[in-house]
Structures are given as structure tokens and as C-alpha cells.
Amino acid sequence: MTGVPKAAIVSAMKMSNDLEKKFQAQITLEFEASITYRQLAIEADEQDLPGIAAWLRHQADEEIVHANKFIQHVSDRDNHAAIGAINAPAVRPGLSVLEIFEAALAHEQKVSESIRELYRSADKEGDYDSRPLLNWFVDEQIEEEATASEIIGRVKLIGNDGSGLLRLDAELGRRPAESTEADEN
């Protein structure tokens, strides 16, 4: 770009302080989601359901990938990525399998709304550089909510059938592990 000072290019790429803070809040929420999934995995482990626990731990790892994607985006934009205070998961001991997945869905819905709000804020500021990332996350959250809803539906169908629950446990336990690095997805 001949004739355009480098400082002008960098400042156009850099997001506002307000938007930076909102991205930092999203980073924190993604780590909070990871910890929530870890606690839900503990609840599944307490019920001797290793497959469901493994599936939940994989979800926890995926949330770290999501946080890393936001961190990379903020850093790439010459802003400062930061993790705020992370709340302890609001998971009570002794949840049923249905309650575990209902808690997972509720948290995914919270994350989805936060991403939609982040999208609205970026659009309001004319921050088009965030759109590809936020579009990816909107699609991802649709998938996340649909998956949790599907599992809830299956758990409801199973009801008190122990063999059905064990089959679901085995199925969810076959989910492959993924890297927590953002560039892997």
C-alpha cells in the first residue's frame, strides 16, 4: 500500500477499547465453560459413567480451543488478550444424567447469547474484521446447542433403562480427543 502510513493500517485493524473488553469477557466465558464441563464430567464419573465423563472432558477441551481462537484474534488485531475472573461452576453434586446435559445446554445457550451480543457490538462499531471469526462461532454454537439437545432427547427416551444409559455412555465415550490449540480446528 504505497502512500498509506503503516500506523494508519495498524490502527484500522485494531479494535476499539470497548470491543477489546468485550472480547476479553468472551475469552473468560469460554474458560468458564471449560471449567463447567469439567465439573459436569466429575458428576458423570461419580455415577460410574466413564464414556459420558470423557465426552464432557472433550467438550471442556473444545472450550479451551474456542478461548484460544478469541485470544489469537485479539492478539492478531494488535489488541491485548486477557482472561478475567472465572466464576466457579454452578453445578450441584448428584445431578442426574439428564440434569448434566440440561446444565450443559443452558451454559451453551449463555455462550451463544454472549457471542450474538459480541457480533452486534462489532457490527455497531463497523468492525468487519471480526465477522469471519464471529460467523464461525455462530455456526459452532448452533451445532453445540443441537448436539446437547439431541443428547437430552435421547436421555429422556432412555428414562430409567439402565442398559440404554450404558449404551449411550459407550457411544459418547467413543468421541475422539482433539488438540486444544486454536489452529487445529
C-alpha atoms as a PDB file:
ATOM      1  CA  MET A   1       0.000   0.000   0.000  1.00  0.00           C
ATOM      2  CA  THR A   2       2.070   2.840  -1.279  1.00  0.00           C
ATOM      3  CA  GLY A   3       1.439   6.186   0.329  1.00  0.00           C
ATOM      4  CA  VAL A   4      -0.507   4.832   3.321  1.00  0.00           C
ATOM      5  CA  PRO A   5       1.432   5.144   6.571  1.00  0.00           C
ATOM      6  CA  LYS A   6       1.864   1.843   8.432  1.00  0.00           C
ATOM      7  CA  ALA A   7       0.399   3.398  11.588  1.00  0.00           C
ATOM      8  CA  ALA A   8      -2.853   4.063   9.686  1.00  0.00           C
ATOM      9  CA  ILE A   9      -3.049   0.434   8.582  1.00  0.00           C
ATOM     10  CA  VAL A  10      -2.441  -0.924  12.090  1.00  0.00           C
ATOM     11  CA  SER A  11      -4.926   1.448  13.718  1.00  0.00           C
ATOM     12  CA  ALA A  12      -7.616   0.478  11.201  1.00  0.00           C
ATOM     13  CA  MET A  13      -7.051  -3.166  12.089  1.00  0.00           C
ATOM     14  CA  LYS A  14      -7.015  -2.554  15.853  1.00  0.00           C
ATOM     15  CA  MET A  15     -10.355  -2.833  17.628  1.00  0.00           C
ATOM     16  CA  SER A  16     -11.690  -0.197  19.996  1.00  0.00           C
ATOM     17  CA  ASN A  17     -11.007  -0.422  23.726  1.00  0.00           C
ATOM     18  CA  ASP A  18     -14.686  -1.158  24.357  1.00  0.00           C
ATOM     19  CA  LEU A  19     -14.738  -4.001  21.836  1.00  0.00           C
ATOM     20  CA  GLU A  20     -11.437  -5.303  23.188  1.00  0.00           C
ATOM     21  CA  LYS A  21     -13.035  -5.551  26.651  1.00  0.00           C
ATOM     22  CA  LYS A  22     -15.990  -7.439  25.209  1.00  0.00           C
ATOM     23  CA  PHE A  23     -13.664  -9.910  23.507  1.00  0.00           C
ATOM     24  CA  GLN A  24     -11.785 -10.320  26.793  1.00  0.00           C
ATOM     25  CA  ALA A  25     -15.100 -11.096  28.501  1.00  0.00           C
ATOM     26  CA  GLN A  26     -15.807 -13.722  25.846  1.00  0.00           C
ATOM     27  CA  ILE A  27     -12.380 -15.271  26.399  1.00  0.00           C
ATOM     28  CA  THR A  28     -13.176 -15.505  30.109  1.00  0.00           C
ATOM     29  CA  LEU A  29     -16.598 -17.025  29.397  1.00  0.00           C
ATOM     30  CA  GLU A  30     -15.023 -19.706  27.183  1.00  0.00           C
ATOM     31  CA  PHE A  31     -12.669 -20.706  30.015  1.00  0.00           C
ATOM     32  CA  GLU A  32     -15.633 -20.672  32.398  1.00  0.00           C
ATOM     33  CA  ALA A  33     -17.444 -23.024  30.004  1.00  0.00           C
ATOM     34  CA  SER A  34     -14.443 -25.344  30.068  1.00  0.00           C
ATOM     35  CA  ILE A  35     -14.484 -25.486  33.857  1.00  0.00           C
ATOM     36  CA  THR A  36     -18.245 -26.064  33.859  1.00  0.00           C
ATOM     37  CA  TYR A  37     -17.823 -29.035  31.527  1.00  0.00           C
ATOM     38  CA  ARG A  38     -15.008 -30.365  33.738  1.00  0.00           C
ATOM     39  CA  GLN A  39     -17.305 -30.220  36.769  1.00  0.00           C
ATOM     40  CA  LEU A  40     -20.087 -31.944  34.834  1.00  0.00           C
ATOM     41  CA  ALA A  41     -17.556 -34.648  33.885  1.00  0.00           C
ATOM     42  CA  ILE A  42     -16.827 -35.147  37.575  1.00  0.00           C
ATOM     43  CA  GLU A  43     -20.544 -35.667  38.188  1.00  0.00           C
ATOM     44  CA  ALA A  44     -20.666 -38.305  35.433  1.00  0.00           C
ATOM     45  CA  ASP A  45     -17.567 -40.002  36.846  1.00  0.00           C
ATOM     46  CA  GLU A  46     -19.274 -40.125  40.248  1.00  0.00           C
ATOM     47  CA  GLN A  47     -22.021 -42.189  38.603  1.00  0.00           C
ATOM     48  CA  ASP A  48     -19.537 -44.606  37.010  1.00  0.00           C
ATOM     49  CA  LEU A  49     -20.289 -43.329  33.511  1.00  0.00           C
ATOM     50  CA  PRO A  50     -16.792 -43.027  32.024  1.00  0.00           C
ATOM     51  CA  GLY A  51     -17.989 -42.501  28.449  1.00  0.00           C
ATOM     52  CA  ILE A  52     -20.202 -39.549  29.326  1.00  0.00           C
ATOM     53  CA  ALA A  53     -17.428 -38.166  31.541  1.00  0.00           C
ATOM     54  CA  ALA A  54     -14.938 -38.466  28.657  1.00  0.00           C
ATOM     55  CA  TRP A  55     -17.382 -36.742  26.274  1.00  0.00           C
ATOM     56  CA  LEU A  56     -17.769 -33.883  28.755  1.00  0.00           C
ATOM     57  CA  ARG A  57     -13.985 -33.592  29.178  1.00  0.00           C
ATOM     58  CA  HIS A  58     -13.653 -33.372  25.385  1.00  0.00           C
ATOM     59  CA  GLN A  59     -16.218 -30.557  25.477  1.00  0.00           C
ATOM     60  CA  ALA A  60     -14.120 -28.854  28.151  1.00  0.00           C
ATOM     61  CA  ASP A  61     -11.071 -29.123  25.881  1.00  0.00           C
ATOM     62  CA  GLU A  62     -13.069 -27.731  22.953  1.00  0.00           C
ATOM     63  CA  GLU A  63     -13.960 -24.681  25.030  1.00  0.00           C
ATOM     64  CA  ILE A  64     -10.248 -24.047  25.522  1.00  0.00           C
ATOM     65  CA  VAL A  65      -9.856 -24.195  21.726  1.00  0.00           C
ATOM     66  CA  HIS A  66     -12.604 -21.584  21.486  1.00  0.00           C
ATOM     67  CA  ALA A  67     -10.876 -19.359  24.039  1.00  0.00           C
ATOM     68  CA  ASN A  68      -7.632 -19.735  22.090  1.00  0.00           C
ATOM     69  CA  LYS A  69      -9.366 -18.666  18.872  1.00  0.00           C
ATOM     70  CA  PHE A  70     -10.566 -15.480  20.557  1.00  0.00           C
ATOM     71  CA  ILE A  71      -7.141 -14.880  22.122  1.00  0.00           C
ATOM     72  CA  GLN A  72      -5.449 -15.260  18.737  1.00  0.00           C
ATOM     73  CA  HIS A  73      -7.928 -12.906  17.070  1.00  0.00           C
ATOM     74  CA  VAL A  74      -7.460 -10.209  19.704  1.00  0.00           C
ATOM     75  CA  SER A  75      -3.667 -10.554  19.582  1.00  0.00           C
ATOM     76  CA  ASP A  76      -3.609 -10.568  15.773  1.00  0.00           C
ATOM     77  CA  ARG A  77      -5.526  -7.291  15.816  1.00  0.00           C
ATOM     78  CA  ASP A  78      -2.770  -5.668  17.914  1.00  0.00           C
ATOM     79  CA  ASN A  79      -5.007  -5.618  20.970  1.00  0.00           C
ATOM     80  CA  HIS A  80      -4.426  -7.191  24.362  1.00  0.00           C
ATOM     81  CA  ALA A  81      -5.987 -10.566  25.114  1.00  0.00           C
ATOM     82  CA  ALA A  82      -6.708 -11.141  28.794  1.00  0.00           C
ATOM     83  CA  ILE A  83      -8.539 -13.613  30.988  1.00  0.00           C
ATOM     84  CA  GLY A  84     -10.779 -12.143  33.652  1.00  0.00           C
ATOM     85  CA  ALA A  85     -12.011 -13.642  36.888  1.00  0.00           C
ATOM     86  CA  ILE A  86     -13.550 -17.042  36.284  1.00  0.00           C
ATOM     87  CA  ASN A  87     -16.621 -17.962  38.278  1.00  0.00           C
ATOM     88  CA  ALA A  88     -16.838 -21.362  39.911  1.00  0.00           C
ATOM     89  CA  PRO A  89     -19.219 -23.629  38.038  1.00  0.00           C
ATOM     90  CA  ALA A  90     -22.787 -23.550  39.318  1.00  0.00           C
ATOM     91  CA  VAL A  91     -23.058 -27.330  39.337  1.00  0.00           C
ATOM     92  CA  ARG A  92     -24.535 -29.018  42.368  1.00  0.00           C
ATOM     93  CA  PRO A  93     -23.398 -32.516  43.328  1.00  0.00           C
ATOM     94  CA  GLY A  94     -25.547 -35.512  42.471  1.00  0.00           C
ATOM     95  CA  LEU A  95     -27.002 -34.348  39.155  1.00  0.00           C
ATOM     96  CA  SER A  96     -28.798 -36.968  37.098  1.00  0.00           C
ATOM     97  CA  VAL A  97     -27.558 -37.607  33.560  1.00  0.00           C
ATOM     98  CA  LEU A  98     -30.493 -35.587  32.263  1.00  0.00           C
ATOM     99  CA  GLU A  99     -29.612 -32.693  34.580  1.00  0.00           C
ATOM    100  CA  ILE A 100     -25.964 -32.874  33.496  1.00  0.00           C
ATOM    101  CA  PHE A 101     -26.895 -32.364  29.853  1.00  0.00           C
ATOM    102  CA  GLU A 102     -29.544 -29.766  30.685  1.00  0.00           C
ATOM    103  CA  ALA A 103     -26.820 -27.820  32.532  1.00  0.00           C
ATOM    104  CA  ALA A 104     -24.540 -28.206  29.511  1.00  0.00           C
ATOM    105  CA  LEU A 105     -27.258 -26.906  27.195  1.00  0.00           C
ATOM    106  CA  ALA A 106     -28.020 -23.956  29.491  1.00  0.00           C
ATOM    107  CA  HIS A 107     -24.363 -22.985  29.510  1.00  0.00           C
ATOM    108  CA  GLU A 108     -24.133 -23.313  25.711  1.00  0.00           C
ATOM    109  CA  GLN A 109     -27.166 -21.042  25.407  1.00  0.00           C
ATOM    110  CA  LYS A 110     -25.438 -18.494  27.642  1.00  0.00           C
ATOM    111  CA  VAL A 111     -22.323 -18.637  25.447  1.00  0.00           C
ATOM    112  CA  SER A 112     -24.440 -18.380  22.280  1.00  0.00           C
ATOM    113  CA  GLU A 113     -26.155 -15.231  23.507  1.00  0.00           C
ATOM    114  CA  SER A 114     -22.814 -13.736  24.506  1.00  0.00           C
ATOM    115  CA  ILE A 115     -21.438 -14.381  21.017  1.00  0.00           C
ATOM    116  CA  ARG A 116     -24.547 -12.863  19.400  1.00  0.00           C
ATOM    117  CA  GLU A 117     -24.089  -9.783  21.616  1.00  0.00           C
ATOM    118  CA  LEU A 118     -20.420  -9.609  20.646  1.00  0.00           C
ATOM    119  CA  TYR A 119     -21.468  -9.817  16.985  1.00  0.00           C
ATOM    120  CA  ARG A 120     -23.976  -6.982  17.470  1.00  0.00           C
ATOM    121  CA  SER A 121     -21.324  -4.858  19.191  1.00  0.00           C
ATOM    122  CA  ALA A 122     -18.784  -5.477  16.422  1.00  0.00           C
ATOM    123  CA  ASP A 123     -21.370  -4.636  13.763  1.00  0.00           C
ATOM    124  CA  LYS A 124     -22.400  -1.460  15.613  1.00  0.00           C
ATOM    125  CA  GLU A 125     -18.768  -0.335  15.575  1.00  0.00           C
ATOM    126  CA  GLY A 126     -18.312  -1.303  11.931  1.00  0.00           C
ATOM    127  CA  ASP A 127     -15.685  -3.874  12.950  1.00  0.00           C
ATOM    128  CA  TYR A 128     -15.901  -6.063   9.866  1.00  0.00           C
ATOM    129  CA  ASP A 129     -12.571  -7.758  10.648  1.00  0.00           C
ATOM    130  CA  SER A 130     -14.285  -9.772  13.401  1.00  0.00           C
ATOM    131  CA  ARG A 131     -17.034 -11.129  11.150  1.00  0.00           C
ATOM    132  CA  PRO A 132     -15.260 -14.268   9.874  1.00  0.00           C
ATOM    133  CA  LEU A 133     -14.437 -15.357  13.422  1.00  0.00           C
ATOM    134  CA  LEU A 134     -17.868 -14.496  14.776  1.00  0.00           C
ATOM    135  CA  ASN A 135     -19.610 -16.201  11.833  1.00  0.00           C
ATOM    136  CA  TRP A 136     -17.646 -19.354  12.638  1.00  0.00           C
ATOM    137  CA  PHE A 137     -18.750 -19.132  16.269  1.00  0.00           C
ATOM    138  CA  VAL A 138     -22.410 -18.559  15.395  1.00  0.00           C
ATOM    139  CA  ASP A 139     -22.320 -21.766  13.319  1.00  0.00           C
ATOM    140  CA  GLU A 140     -20.414 -23.591  16.054  1.00  0.00           C
ATOM    141  CA  GLN A 141     -22.927 -22.609  18.726  1.00  0.00           C
ATOM    142  CA  ILE A 142     -25.842 -23.823  16.603  1.00  0.00           C
ATOM    143  CA  GLU A 143     -24.060 -27.179  16.409  1.00  0.00           C
ATOM    144  CA  GLU A 144     -23.245 -27.195  20.136  1.00  0.00           C
ATOM    145  CA  GLU A 145     -26.818 -26.488  21.182  1.00  0.00           C
ATOM    146  CA  ALA A 146     -28.229 -29.007  18.708  1.00  0.00           C
ATOM    147  CA  THR A 147     -25.881 -31.724  19.980  1.00  0.00           C
ATOM    148  CA  ALA A 148     -26.775 -31.098  23.620  1.00  0.00           C
ATOM    149  CA  SER A 149     -30.492 -31.020  22.733  1.00  0.00           C
ATOM    150  CA  GLU A 150     -30.192 -34.300  20.857  1.00  0.00           C
ATOM    151  CA  ILE A 151     -28.474 -35.980  23.804  1.00  0.00           C
ATOM    152  CA  ILE A 152     -31.163 -34.636  26.151  1.00  0.00           C
ATOM    153  CA  GLY A 153     -33.826 -36.106  23.867  1.00  0.00           C
ATOM    154  CA  ARG A 154     -32.096 -39.474  23.887  1.00  0.00           C
ATOM    155  CA  VAL A 155     -31.694 -39.440  27.679  1.00  0.00           C
ATOM    156  CA  LYS A 156     -35.417 -38.714  28.006  1.00  0.00           C
ATOM    157  CA  LEU A 157     -36.204 -41.645  25.710  1.00  0.00           C
ATOM    158  CA  ILE A 158     -33.979 -43.906  27.781  1.00  0.00           C
ATOM    159  CA  GLY A 159     -35.648 -42.882  31.026  1.00  0.00           C
ATOM    160  CA  ASN A 160     -34.764 -45.353  33.763  1.00  0.00           C
ATOM    161  CA  ASP A 161     -33.479 -48.034  31.369  1.00  0.00           C
ATOM    162  CA  GLY A 162     -30.005 -48.810  32.714  1.00  0.00           C
ATOM    163  CA  SER A 163     -28.940 -50.748  29.620  1.00  0.00           C
ATOM    164  CA  GLY A 164     -29.943 -47.814  27.410  1.00  0.00           C
ATOM    165  CA  LEU A 165     -27.915 -45.449  29.561  1.00  0.00           C
ATOM    166  CA  LEU A 166     -24.910 -47.768  29.372  1.00  0.00           C
ATOM    167  CA  ARG A 167     -25.229 -47.880  25.561  1.00  0.00           C
ATOM    168  CA  LEU A 168     -25.310 -44.063  25.444  1.00  0.00           C
ATOM    169  CA  ASP A 169     -22.331 -43.957  27.791  1.00  0.00           C
ATOM    170  CA  ALA A 170     -20.366 -46.282  25.497  1.00  0.00           C
ATOM    171  CA  GLU A 171     -21.338 -44.291  22.399  1.00  0.00           C
ATOM    172  CA  LEU A 172     -20.382 -40.912  23.855  1.00  0.00           C
ATOM    173  CA  GLY A 173     -17.125 -42.391  25.115  1.00  0.00           C
ATOM    174  CA  ARG A 174     -16.008 -43.099  21.536  1.00  0.00           C
ATOM    175  CA  ARG A 175     -15.684 -39.388  20.754  1.00  0.00           C
ATOM    176  CA  PRO A 176     -12.120 -38.725  19.563  1.00  0.00           C
ATOM    177  CA  ALA A 177      -9.910 -36.372  21.532  1.00  0.00           C
ATOM    178  CA  GLU A 178      -8.755 -33.165  19.860  1.00  0.00           C
ATOM    179  CA  SER A 179      -5.962 -30.710  20.437  1.00  0.00           C
ATOM    180  CA  THR A 180      -6.699 -27.603  22.466  1.00  0.00           C
ATOM    181  CA  GLU A 181      -4.712 -25.422  20.054  1.00  0.00           C
ATOM    182  CA  ALA A 182      -6.858 -22.943  18.126  1.00  0.00           C
ATOM    183  CA  ASP A 183      -5.302 -23.640  14.747  1.00  0.00           C
ATOM    184  CA  GLU A 184      -6.292 -27.309  14.917  1.00  0.00           C
ATOM    185  CA  ASN A 185      -9.979 -26.589  14.159  1.00  0.00           C
END
